[in-house]
Amino acid sequence: MNKRYIARSTEIAARPLGGEMMIMSARDSTLFTLNEIASVIWQAADGMTPLDEIVEREVCAVFDVEAGVALRDAEGLVDELAAHGILLVSDQPMARPSDPLQGGS
């Protein structure tokens, strides 16, 4: 199985709200509300860490979920967000430009 690397697009607006993340695609103005687990995956999407490692390290280590189920769910999330230009997906690590303002200040 090929590794999948994910990175946050710079063409979005994102703000944390409680334990969730609100994200809007600049491509099609679609608004997403990510739950706590999806927000963890979003935050870890650095372009350098494979998705399976993100799931194992950030999701399975913190939440009570089986690795295979978590990875399948994460792949579905990634596919949906990538379809809207919110996440970038590659089979190789990606060097990325600086993130736009992602929550915080």
C-alpha atoms as a PDB file:
ATOM      1  CA  MET A   1       0.000   0.000   0.000  1.00  0.00           C
ATOM      2  CA  ASN A   2       1.299   3.433  -0.941  1.00  0.00           C
ATOM      3  CA  LYS A   3       1.747   6.027   1.769  1.00  0.00           C
ATOM      4  CA  ARG A   4      -0.564   9.050   1.594  1.00  0.00           C
ATOM      5  CA  TYR A   5       0.778  12.397   2.737  1.00  0.00           C
ATOM      6  CA  ILE A   6      -1.632  15.198   3.548  1.00  0.00           C
ATOM      7  CA  ALA A   7      -1.143  18.923   3.915  1.00  0.00           C
ATOM      8  CA  ARG A   8      -3.491  21.797   4.679  1.00  0.00           C
ATOM      9  CA  SER A   9      -4.205  23.980   1.670  1.00  0.00           C
ATOM     10  CA  THR A  10      -3.252  27.633   1.853  1.00  0.00           C
ATOM     11  CA  GLU A  11      -6.512  28.487   0.022  1.00  0.00           C
ATOM     12  CA  ILE A  12      -8.798  28.146   3.035  1.00  0.00           C
ATOM     13  CA  ALA A  13     -10.004  30.047   6.060  1.00  0.00           C
ATOM     14  CA  ALA A  14      -9.921  28.095   9.330  1.00  0.00           C
ATOM     15  CA  ARG A  15     -10.784  28.907  12.935  1.00  0.00           C
ATOM     16  CA  PRO A  16     -11.039  26.745  16.043  1.00  0.00           C
ATOM     17  CA  LEU A  17     -14.385  26.836  17.823  1.00  0.00           C
ATOM     18  CA  GLY A  18     -14.566  24.854  21.043  1.00  0.00           C
ATOM     19  CA  GLY A  19     -13.150  21.395  20.306  1.00  0.00           C
ATOM     20  CA  GLU A  20     -13.990  21.698  16.615  1.00  0.00           C
ATOM     21  CA  MET A  21     -12.453  23.413  13.596  1.00  0.00           C
ATOM     22  CA  MET A  22     -14.458  25.538  11.156  1.00  0.00           C
ATOM     23  CA  ILE A  23     -12.966  25.510   7.651  1.00  0.00           C
ATOM     24  CA  MET A  24     -14.104  27.256   4.492  1.00  0.00           C
ATOM     25  CA  SER A  25     -12.793  26.443   1.047  1.00  0.00           C
ATOM     26  CA  ALA A  26     -11.815  29.456  -1.042  1.00  0.00           C
ATOM     27  CA  ARG A  27     -12.377  27.306  -4.143  1.00  0.00           C
ATOM     28  CA  ASP A  28     -16.102  26.716  -3.686  1.00  0.00           C
ATOM     29  CA  SER A  29     -17.027  28.479  -0.400  1.00  0.00           C
ATOM     30  CA  THR A  30     -17.976  25.144   1.175  1.00  0.00           C
ATOM     31  CA  LEU A  31     -18.012  25.320   4.966  1.00  0.00           C
ATOM     32  CA  PHE A  32     -16.921  22.316   7.034  1.00  0.00           C
ATOM     33  CA  THR A  33     -17.128  21.750  10.759  1.00  0.00           C
ATOM     34  CA  LEU A  34     -14.565  19.173  11.825  1.00  0.00           C
ATOM     35  CA  ASN A  35     -15.241  17.178  14.980  1.00  0.00           C
ATOM     36  CA  GLU A  36     -12.518  16.616  17.572  1.00  0.00           C
ATOM     37  CA  ILE A  37     -10.917  13.627  15.826  1.00  0.00           C
ATOM     38  CA  ALA A  38     -11.074  15.231  12.371  1.00  0.00           C
ATOM     39  CA  SER A  39      -9.566  18.406  13.875  1.00  0.00           C
ATOM     40  CA  VAL A  40      -6.639  16.374  15.225  1.00  0.00           C
ATOM     41  CA  ILE A  41      -6.001  14.963  11.743  1.00  0.00           C
ATOM     42  CA  TRP A  42      -6.318  18.452  10.227  1.00  0.00           C
ATOM     43  CA  GLN A  43      -3.804  19.913  12.685  1.00  0.00           C
ATOM     44  CA  ALA A  44      -1.325  17.079  12.020  1.00  0.00           C
ATOM     45  CA  ALA A  45      -1.548  17.450   8.208  1.00  0.00           C
ATOM     46  CA  ASP A  46       1.997  18.752   7.740  1.00  0.00           C
ATOM     47  CA  GLY A  47       2.733  17.254   4.324  1.00  0.00           C
ATOM     48  CA  MET A  48       5.647  15.282   5.750  1.00  0.00           C
ATOM     49  CA  THR A  49       3.926  12.664   7.929  1.00  0.00           C
ATOM     50  CA  PRO A  50       2.046   9.794   6.265  1.00  0.00           C
ATOM     51  CA  LEU A  51      -1.662   9.562   7.048  1.00  0.00           C
ATOM     52  CA  ASP A  52      -1.313   6.117   8.638  1.00  0.00           C
ATOM     53  CA  GLU A  53       1.278   7.493  11.079  1.00  0.00           C
ATOM     54  CA  ILE A  54      -0.951  10.476  11.914  1.00  0.00           C
ATOM     55  CA  VAL A  55      -3.816   8.099  12.649  1.00  0.00           C
ATOM     56  CA  GLU A  56      -1.656   5.813  14.797  1.00  0.00           C
ATOM     57  CA  ARG A  57       0.162   8.593  16.683  1.00  0.00           C
ATOM     58  CA  GLU A  58      -2.523  11.253  16.991  1.00  0.00           C
ATOM     59  CA  VAL A  59      -5.840   9.387  16.837  1.00  0.00           C
ATOM     60  CA  CYS A  60      -5.391   5.833  18.135  1.00  0.00           C
ATOM     61  CA  ALA A  61      -3.061   6.927  20.936  1.00  0.00           C
ATOM     62  CA  VAL A  62      -5.610   9.430  22.271  1.00  0.00           C
ATOM     63  CA  PHE A  63      -9.041   8.101  21.296  1.00  0.00           C
ATOM     64  CA  ASP A  64     -10.491   4.629  21.894  1.00  0.00           C
ATOM     65  CA  VAL A  65     -10.647   3.476  18.276  1.00  0.00           C
ATOM     66  CA  GLU A  66      -9.283   0.472  16.386  1.00  0.00           C
ATOM     67  CA  ALA A  67      -6.480   1.359  13.943  1.00  0.00           C
ATOM     68  CA  GLY A  68      -8.099  -0.131  10.818  1.00  0.00           C
ATOM     69  CA  VAL A  69     -11.410   1.610  11.439  1.00  0.00           C
ATOM     70  CA  ALA A  70      -9.671   4.898  12.249  1.00  0.00           C
ATOM     71  CA  LEU A  71      -7.574   4.748   9.080  1.00  0.00           C
ATOM     72  CA  ARG A  72     -10.609   3.987   6.863  1.00  0.00           C
ATOM     73  CA  ASP A  73     -12.511   6.888   8.422  1.00  0.00           C
ATOM     74  CA  ALA A  74      -9.493   9.188   8.055  1.00  0.00           C
ATOM     75  CA  GLU A  75      -9.103   8.242   4.388  1.00  0.00           C
ATOM     76  CA  GLY A  76     -12.766   9.112   3.771  1.00  0.00           C
ATOM     77  CA  LEU A  77     -12.330  12.457   5.517  1.00  0.00           C
ATOM     78  CA  VAL A  78      -9.166  13.212   3.542  1.00  0.00           C
ATOM     79  CA  ASP A  79     -10.832  12.323   0.235  1.00  0.00           C
ATOM     80  CA  GLU A  80     -13.795  14.593   0.969  1.00  0.00           C
ATOM     81  CA  LEU A  81     -11.647  17.536   2.064  1.00  0.00           C
ATOM     82  CA  ALA A  82      -9.267  17.071  -0.875  1.00  0.00           C
ATOM     83  CA  ALA A  83     -12.229  17.154  -3.286  1.00  0.00           C
ATOM     84  CA  HIS A  84     -12.971  20.670  -2.016  1.00  0.00           C
ATOM     85  CA  GLY A  85      -9.329  21.818  -2.137  1.00  0.00           C
ATOM     86  CA  ILE A  86      -9.057  21.949   1.661  1.00  0.00           C
ATOM     87  CA  LEU A  87      -6.397  19.236   1.944  1.00  0.00           C
ATOM     88  CA  LEU A  88      -3.634  18.395  -0.498  1.00  0.00           C
ATOM     89  CA  VAL A  89      -2.807  14.701  -0.962  1.00  0.00           C
ATOM     90  CA  SER A  90       0.345  13.118  -2.390  1.00  0.00           C
ATOM     91  CA  ASP A  91       2.098   9.762  -2.451  1.00  0.00           C
ATOM     92  CA  GLN A  92       5.327  11.566  -1.497  1.00  0.00           C
ATOM     93  CA  PRO A  93       6.199  14.077   1.241  1.00  0.00           C
ATOM     94  CA  MET A  94       5.308  17.651   0.298  1.00  0.00           C
ATOM     95  CA  ALA A  95       7.271  20.781   1.065  1.00  0.00           C
ATOM     96  CA  ARG A  96       4.717  23.490   1.731  1.00  0.00           C
ATOM     97  CA  PRO A  97       4.735  27.267   1.848  1.00  0.00           C
ATOM     98  CA  SER A  98       3.952  28.859   5.191  1.00  0.00           C
ATOM     99  CA  ASP A  99       0.468  28.244   6.520  1.00  0.00           C
ATOM    100  CA  PRO A 100      -2.076  31.033   6.323  1.00  0.00           C
ATOM    101  CA  LEU A 101      -3.363  32.230   9.656  1.00  0.00           C
ATOM    102  CA  GLN A 102      -4.814  29.018  11.139  1.00  0.00           C
ATOM    103  CA  GLY A 103      -6.823  29.995  14.166  1.00  0.00           C
ATOM    104  CA  GLY A 104      -5.020  31.740  16.988  1.00  0.00           C
ATOM    105  CA  SER A 105      -3.843  35.309  16.656  1.00  0.00           C
END
